[in-house]
N, C-alpha and C. Protein backbone atom coordinates (compact mmCIF):
# COMPACT_ATOMS: atom_id res chain seq x y z
N MET A 1 -5.73 -4.26 -25.01
CA MET A 1 -6.26 -3.23 -24.13
C MET A 1 -7.69 -3.57 -23.69
N ASP A 2 -8.48 -4.13 -24.60
CA ASP A 2 -9.84 -4.52 -24.23
C ASP A 2 -9.84 -5.56 -23.13
N TYR A 3 -8.86 -6.47 -23.18
CA TYR A 3 -8.76 -7.49 -22.15
C TYR A 3 -8.54 -6.85 -20.78
N LEU A 4 -7.67 -5.85 -20.72
CA LEU A 4 -7.39 -5.16 -19.46
C LEU A 4 -8.63 -4.44 -18.95
N ILE A 5 -9.34 -3.78 -19.82
CA ILE A 5 -10.56 -3.08 -19.43
C ILE A 5 -11.60 -4.08 -18.91
N ASP A 6 -11.73 -5.21 -19.61
CA ASP A 6 -12.67 -6.25 -19.16
C ASP A 6 -12.26 -6.81 -17.80
N LEU A 7 -10.97 -7.02 -17.60
CA LEU A 7 -10.46 -7.55 -16.34
C LEU A 7 -10.73 -6.58 -15.18
N ILE A 8 -10.46 -5.31 -15.41
CA ILE A 8 -10.74 -4.31 -14.37
C ILE A 8 -12.23 -4.27 -14.07
N GLY A 9 -13.06 -4.32 -15.10
CA GLY A 9 -14.50 -4.32 -14.90
C GLY A 9 -14.97 -5.51 -14.10
N LEU A 10 -14.37 -6.66 -14.33
CA LEU A 10 -14.73 -7.88 -13.63
C LEU A 10 -14.41 -7.80 -12.13
N TYR A 11 -13.31 -7.14 -11.79
CA TYR A 11 -12.85 -7.11 -10.39
C TYR A 11 -13.04 -5.75 -9.71
N LYS A 12 -13.66 -4.80 -10.39
CA LYS A 12 -13.84 -3.45 -9.84
C LYS A 12 -14.43 -3.46 -8.44
N ALA A 13 -15.51 -4.18 -8.25
CA ALA A 13 -16.19 -4.21 -6.95
C ALA A 13 -15.47 -5.10 -5.94
N LYS A 14 -14.78 -6.12 -6.42
CA LYS A 14 -14.09 -7.05 -5.52
C LYS A 14 -12.83 -6.43 -4.94
N GLY A 15 -12.18 -5.59 -5.71
CA GLY A 15 -10.99 -4.92 -5.21
C GLY A 15 -9.71 -5.40 -5.86
N LEU A 16 -8.67 -4.65 -5.63
CA LEU A 16 -7.35 -4.91 -6.19
C LEU A 16 -6.44 -5.34 -5.05
N LEU A 17 -5.90 -6.55 -5.15
CA LEU A 17 -4.94 -7.05 -4.16
C LEU A 17 -3.56 -6.60 -4.59
N ILE A 18 -2.89 -5.87 -3.71
CA ILE A 18 -1.61 -5.25 -4.07
C ILE A 18 -0.52 -5.70 -3.11
N ASP A 19 0.66 -5.97 -3.65
CA ASP A 19 1.77 -6.46 -2.86
C ASP A 19 2.75 -5.34 -2.54
N THR A 20 3.79 -5.68 -1.84
CA THR A 20 4.71 -4.71 -1.23
C THR A 20 5.32 -3.71 -2.20
N ASN A 21 5.98 -4.17 -3.26
CA ASN A 21 6.73 -3.25 -4.12
C ASN A 21 5.83 -2.21 -4.78
N LEU A 22 4.69 -2.64 -5.29
CA LEU A 22 3.80 -1.68 -5.94
C LEU A 22 3.12 -0.76 -4.94
N LEU A 23 2.78 -1.29 -3.78
CA LEU A 23 2.17 -0.43 -2.78
C LEU A 23 3.18 0.57 -2.22
N LEU A 24 4.42 0.15 -2.08
CA LEU A 24 5.47 1.09 -1.67
C LEU A 24 5.64 2.19 -2.73
N LEU A 25 5.65 1.80 -4.00
CA LEU A 25 5.71 2.79 -5.08
C LEU A 25 4.55 3.76 -4.96
N TYR A 26 3.36 3.26 -4.69
CA TYR A 26 2.19 4.11 -4.55
C TYR A 26 2.36 5.10 -3.40
N PHE A 27 2.78 4.61 -2.24
CA PHE A 27 2.92 5.49 -1.08
C PHE A 27 4.04 6.52 -1.29
N ILE A 28 5.16 6.10 -1.84
CA ILE A 28 6.26 7.05 -2.11
C ILE A 28 5.81 8.06 -3.16
N GLY A 29 5.15 7.59 -4.20
CA GLY A 29 4.71 8.47 -5.27
C GLY A 29 3.66 9.47 -4.83
N THR A 30 2.74 9.06 -3.96
CA THR A 30 1.73 10.00 -3.49
C THR A 30 2.35 10.99 -2.50
N TYR A 31 3.40 10.57 -1.81
CA TYR A 31 4.09 11.48 -0.90
C TYR A 31 4.91 12.51 -1.68
N ASP A 32 5.72 12.01 -2.64
CA ASP A 32 6.58 12.89 -3.43
C ASP A 32 7.02 12.16 -4.69
N PRO A 33 6.35 12.37 -5.82
CA PRO A 33 6.72 11.66 -7.05
C PRO A 33 8.18 11.84 -7.45
N ASP A 34 8.76 12.98 -7.12
CA ASP A 34 10.18 13.21 -7.46
C ASP A 34 11.12 12.32 -6.66
N ARG A 35 10.63 11.74 -5.59
CA ARG A 35 11.44 10.86 -4.75
C ARG A 35 11.60 9.48 -5.39
N ILE A 36 10.69 9.09 -6.28
CA ILE A 36 10.69 7.74 -6.87
C ILE A 36 12.04 7.36 -7.47
N PRO A 37 12.63 8.16 -8.37
CA PRO A 37 13.91 7.75 -8.95
C PRO A 37 15.10 7.92 -8.01
N ARG A 38 14.90 8.58 -6.86
CA ARG A 38 16.01 8.83 -5.93
C ARG A 38 16.00 7.90 -4.73
N PHE A 39 14.92 7.15 -4.55
CA PHE A 39 14.82 6.25 -3.40
C PHE A 39 15.20 4.84 -3.83
N LYS A 40 16.11 4.24 -3.10
CA LYS A 40 16.66 2.93 -3.44
C LYS A 40 15.57 1.90 -3.76
N ARG A 41 14.50 1.90 -3.01
CA ARG A 41 13.47 0.87 -3.15
C ARG A 41 12.49 1.13 -4.29
N THR A 42 12.50 2.33 -4.86
CA THR A 42 11.58 2.63 -5.96
C THR A 42 12.30 3.08 -7.23
N MET A 43 13.62 3.15 -7.21
CA MET A 43 14.34 3.69 -8.37
C MET A 43 14.23 2.81 -9.62
N SER A 44 13.76 1.58 -9.48
CA SER A 44 13.56 0.75 -10.67
C SER A 44 12.26 1.11 -11.39
N PHE A 45 11.46 2.00 -10.80
CA PHE A 45 10.21 2.48 -11.40
C PHE A 45 10.38 3.90 -11.89
N THR A 46 9.48 4.31 -12.76
CA THR A 46 9.47 5.69 -13.23
C THR A 46 8.25 6.41 -12.66
N VAL A 47 8.27 7.72 -12.75
CA VAL A 47 7.11 8.50 -12.33
C VAL A 47 5.91 8.15 -13.20
N ASP A 48 6.14 7.92 -14.48
CA ASP A 48 5.04 7.52 -15.37
C ASP A 48 4.41 6.20 -14.93
N GLU A 49 5.23 5.27 -14.47
CA GLU A 49 4.68 4.00 -13.97
C GLU A 49 3.86 4.22 -12.71
N PHE A 50 4.32 5.13 -11.86
CA PHE A 50 3.53 5.48 -10.68
C PHE A 50 2.18 6.07 -11.10
N LEU A 51 2.20 6.98 -12.06
CA LEU A 51 0.95 7.61 -12.53
C LEU A 51 0.00 6.56 -13.11
N LEU A 52 0.55 5.59 -13.82
CA LEU A 52 -0.27 4.49 -14.35
C LEU A 52 -0.86 3.67 -13.21
N LEU A 53 -0.05 3.36 -12.22
CA LEU A 53 -0.52 2.62 -11.04
C LEU A 53 -1.63 3.40 -10.33
N ASP A 54 -1.44 4.68 -10.16
CA ASP A 54 -2.44 5.52 -9.52
C ASP A 54 -3.75 5.51 -10.32
N ALA A 55 -3.64 5.57 -11.64
CA ALA A 55 -4.83 5.52 -12.50
C ALA A 55 -5.53 4.17 -12.38
N ILE A 56 -4.76 3.11 -12.26
CA ILE A 56 -5.36 1.77 -12.09
C ILE A 56 -6.08 1.69 -10.75
N PHE A 57 -5.46 2.22 -9.70
CA PHE A 57 -6.09 2.20 -8.37
C PHE A 57 -7.47 2.85 -8.40
N THR A 58 -7.60 3.94 -9.13
CA THR A 58 -8.87 4.68 -9.13
C THR A 58 -9.99 3.91 -9.81
N ASN A 59 -9.66 2.85 -10.55
CA ASN A 59 -10.67 2.05 -11.22
C ASN A 59 -11.26 0.96 -10.33
N PHE A 60 -10.75 0.82 -9.13
CA PHE A 60 -11.23 -0.22 -8.21
C PHE A 60 -11.92 0.43 -7.02
N ASP A 61 -12.96 -0.23 -6.55
CA ASP A 61 -13.71 0.29 -5.40
C ASP A 61 -12.89 0.24 -4.12
N LYS A 62 -11.98 -0.70 -4.05
CA LYS A 62 -11.13 -0.81 -2.86
C LYS A 62 -9.80 -1.44 -3.24
N VAL A 63 -8.82 -1.16 -2.43
CA VAL A 63 -7.50 -1.77 -2.56
C VAL A 63 -7.33 -2.67 -1.34
N ILE A 64 -6.83 -3.86 -1.58
CA ILE A 64 -6.70 -4.86 -0.53
C ILE A 64 -5.23 -5.17 -0.32
N THR A 65 -4.83 -5.27 0.93
CA THR A 65 -3.47 -5.66 1.25
C THR A 65 -3.50 -6.41 2.58
N THR A 66 -2.36 -6.68 3.13
CA THR A 66 -2.30 -7.39 4.41
C THR A 66 -1.50 -6.58 5.42
N PRO A 67 -1.70 -6.84 6.69
CA PRO A 67 -0.88 -6.16 7.70
C PRO A 67 0.61 -6.45 7.51
N ASN A 68 0.95 -7.64 7.06
CA ASN A 68 2.37 -7.97 6.84
C ASN A 68 2.97 -7.09 5.76
N ILE A 69 2.21 -6.84 4.70
CA ILE A 69 2.69 -5.97 3.63
C ILE A 69 2.88 -4.56 4.15
N LEU A 70 1.95 -4.07 4.94
CA LEU A 70 2.09 -2.72 5.51
C LEU A 70 3.30 -2.63 6.43
N THR A 71 3.55 -3.68 7.18
CA THR A 71 4.73 -3.70 8.04
C THR A 71 5.99 -3.66 7.20
N GLU A 72 6.01 -4.42 6.10
CA GLU A 72 7.17 -4.42 5.22
C GLU A 72 7.37 -3.04 4.58
N ILE A 73 6.28 -2.38 4.21
CA ILE A 73 6.39 -1.03 3.65
C ILE A 73 6.96 -0.08 4.71
N SER A 74 6.50 -0.22 5.92
CA SER A 74 7.02 0.61 7.00
C SER A 74 8.52 0.38 7.19
N ASN A 75 8.93 -0.88 7.17
CA ASN A 75 10.35 -1.21 7.33
C ASN A 75 11.18 -0.67 6.16
N LEU A 76 10.72 -0.89 4.93
CA LEU A 76 11.48 -0.44 3.76
C LEU A 76 11.55 1.08 3.68
N SER A 77 10.48 1.75 4.06
CA SER A 77 10.49 3.20 4.02
C SER A 77 11.39 3.80 5.10
N GLY A 78 11.79 2.97 6.05
CA GLY A 78 12.76 3.40 7.05
C GLY A 78 14.11 3.72 6.44
N GLN A 79 14.30 3.35 5.17
CA GLN A 79 15.54 3.67 4.46
C GLN A 79 15.51 5.05 3.80
N LEU A 80 14.39 5.74 3.94
CA LEU A 80 14.33 7.12 3.47
C LEU A 80 15.29 7.97 4.31
N PRO A 81 15.76 9.09 3.76
CA PRO A 81 16.61 9.97 4.56
C PRO A 81 15.89 10.39 5.85
N GLY A 82 16.65 10.50 6.91
CA GLY A 82 16.10 10.77 8.24
C GLY A 82 15.17 11.96 8.34
N ASP A 83 15.49 13.03 7.61
CA ASP A 83 14.64 14.22 7.71
C ASP A 83 13.29 14.03 7.02
N LEU A 84 13.18 13.07 6.10
CA LEU A 84 11.92 12.82 5.40
C LEU A 84 11.01 11.83 6.12
N ARG A 85 11.62 10.94 6.91
CA ARG A 85 10.85 9.86 7.53
C ARG A 85 9.65 10.31 8.33
N PRO A 86 9.79 11.27 9.26
CA PRO A 86 8.60 11.66 10.04
C PRO A 86 7.45 12.16 9.17
N HIS A 87 7.78 12.92 8.14
CA HIS A 87 6.74 13.44 7.24
C HIS A 87 6.12 12.32 6.42
N PHE A 88 6.96 11.40 5.94
CA PHE A 88 6.45 10.27 5.17
C PHE A 88 5.54 9.41 6.05
N TYR A 89 5.98 9.11 7.27
CA TYR A 89 5.18 8.25 8.14
C TYR A 89 3.84 8.91 8.50
N ASP A 90 3.83 10.23 8.67
CA ASP A 90 2.56 10.92 8.90
C ASP A 90 1.63 10.75 7.71
N ASP A 91 2.18 10.92 6.51
CA ASP A 91 1.40 10.77 5.28
C ASP A 91 0.94 9.32 5.13
N PHE A 92 1.82 8.38 5.40
CA PHE A 92 1.53 6.94 5.32
C PHE A 92 0.36 6.60 6.25
N ALA A 93 0.41 7.09 7.48
CA ALA A 93 -0.65 6.80 8.46
C ALA A 93 -1.99 7.39 8.01
N LYS A 94 -1.96 8.53 7.36
CA LYS A 94 -3.20 9.15 6.88
C LYS A 94 -3.80 8.39 5.71
N ARG A 95 -2.96 7.74 4.93
CA ARG A 95 -3.43 7.03 3.74
C ARG A 95 -3.91 5.61 4.04
N ILE A 96 -3.54 5.06 5.17
CA ILE A 96 -3.95 3.69 5.48
C ILE A 96 -5.47 3.53 5.46
N PRO A 97 -6.24 4.44 6.05
CA PRO A 97 -7.70 4.26 5.98
C PRO A 97 -8.26 4.32 4.55
N GLN A 98 -7.52 4.91 3.62
CA GLN A 98 -7.99 4.97 2.24
C GLN A 98 -7.93 3.62 1.56
N ILE A 99 -7.14 2.72 2.11
CA ILE A 99 -7.05 1.38 1.55
C ILE A 99 -8.21 0.61 2.13
N GLY A 100 -9.01 0.04 1.28
CA GLY A 100 -10.30 -0.49 1.68
C GLY A 100 -10.32 -1.59 2.71
N ARG A 101 -9.62 -2.66 2.49
CA ARG A 101 -9.75 -3.82 3.36
C ARG A 101 -8.39 -4.44 3.61
N ALA A 102 -8.33 -5.17 4.68
CA ALA A 102 -7.12 -5.95 4.98
C ALA A 102 -7.51 -7.41 5.03
N ILE A 103 -6.64 -8.23 4.57
CA ILE A 103 -6.84 -9.66 4.70
C ILE A 103 -5.76 -10.16 5.64
N CYS A 104 -6.17 -10.81 6.69
CA CYS A 104 -5.23 -11.29 7.68
C CYS A 104 -5.45 -12.79 7.84
N VAL A 105 -4.44 -13.55 7.54
CA VAL A 105 -4.55 -15.00 7.65
C VAL A 105 -3.84 -15.42 8.93
N GLN A 106 -4.60 -15.97 9.85
CA GLN A 106 -4.04 -16.43 11.12
C GLN A 106 -4.63 -17.78 11.47
N ARG A 107 -3.76 -18.74 11.70
CA ARG A 107 -4.18 -20.07 12.11
C ARG A 107 -5.30 -20.63 11.25
N LYS A 108 -5.11 -20.54 9.95
CA LYS A 108 -6.04 -21.08 8.95
C LYS A 108 -7.39 -20.39 8.93
N ASN A 109 -7.55 -19.29 9.63
CA ASN A 109 -8.79 -18.52 9.58
C ASN A 109 -8.55 -17.27 8.77
N LEU A 110 -9.48 -16.94 7.92
CA LEU A 110 -9.38 -15.73 7.13
C LEU A 110 -10.23 -14.66 7.77
N VAL A 111 -9.59 -13.56 8.11
CA VAL A 111 -10.28 -12.45 8.75
C VAL A 111 -10.19 -11.26 7.81
N VAL A 112 -11.33 -10.69 7.47
CA VAL A 112 -11.34 -9.50 6.63
C VAL A 112 -11.94 -8.37 7.45
N GLY A 113 -11.24 -7.26 7.50
CA GLY A 113 -11.74 -6.16 8.31
C GLY A 113 -11.15 -4.84 7.89
N SER A 114 -11.42 -3.85 8.68
CA SER A 114 -10.87 -2.53 8.43
C SER A 114 -9.36 -2.60 8.51
N LEU A 115 -8.71 -2.11 7.48
CA LEU A 115 -7.25 -2.17 7.43
C LEU A 115 -6.63 -1.40 8.58
N GLN A 116 -7.16 -0.24 8.87
CA GLN A 116 -6.61 0.55 9.96
C GLN A 116 -6.74 -0.20 11.28
N GLN A 117 -7.88 -0.81 11.51
CA GLN A 117 -8.10 -1.56 12.75
C GLN A 117 -7.15 -2.75 12.85
N VAL A 118 -7.02 -3.51 11.76
CA VAL A 118 -6.15 -4.69 11.78
C VAL A 118 -4.71 -4.28 12.01
N TRP A 119 -4.25 -3.23 11.31
CA TRP A 119 -2.86 -2.81 11.44
C TRP A 119 -2.59 -2.25 12.82
N LEU A 120 -3.50 -1.45 13.35
CA LEU A 120 -3.31 -0.90 14.69
C LEU A 120 -3.33 -2.00 15.74
N ASN A 121 -4.21 -2.99 15.57
CA ASN A 121 -4.23 -4.13 16.50
C ASN A 121 -2.91 -4.89 16.46
N ARG A 122 -2.37 -5.04 15.26
CA ARG A 122 -1.10 -5.75 15.12
C ARG A 122 0.02 -4.99 15.84
N LEU A 123 0.05 -3.67 15.66
CA LEU A 123 1.06 -2.87 16.37
C LEU A 123 0.88 -2.95 17.88
N TRP A 124 -0.35 -2.89 18.35
CA TRP A 124 -0.65 -3.00 19.77
C TRP A 124 -0.13 -4.34 20.31
N ASN A 125 -0.42 -5.43 19.59
CA ASN A 125 0.00 -6.75 20.05
C ASN A 125 1.52 -6.88 20.08
N ARG A 126 2.21 -6.26 19.14
CA ARG A 126 3.68 -6.30 19.13
C ARG A 126 4.27 -5.61 20.36
N ARG A 127 3.66 -4.50 20.75
CA ARG A 127 4.19 -3.71 21.86
C ARG A 127 3.89 -4.33 23.22
N HIS A 128 2.85 -5.15 23.28
CA HIS A 128 2.39 -5.67 24.58
C HIS A 128 2.56 -7.17 24.69
N ARG A 129 3.61 -7.70 24.12
CA ARG A 129 3.92 -9.14 24.26
C ARG A 129 4.73 -9.39 25.49
């Protein structure tokens, strides 16, 4: 346990890099924890694991992800029942600014910026190709 506390302390200011499955669990759990065991993409997790993940998130100054991961979360959450999707997507869009930074790797250049800006730019570029 001390090792985990030391590790979190070491990376607290740098941020937590999170991938698709855990970030999807986080978004589904913050939307509706009771949905976790009933949603195909999160049923391998428990509500307690979501609560642990949420507690870990609060120990970091920022959460880092990529626009590709957010796109994958958007695609996977499309498997939610139709009546829940609009509400989930509204909640998802509101939570994106809470995630601190985005890392976008394009043509060997590393760009770090506002996650909301990067994700919205990506959506804009997809629509206007």
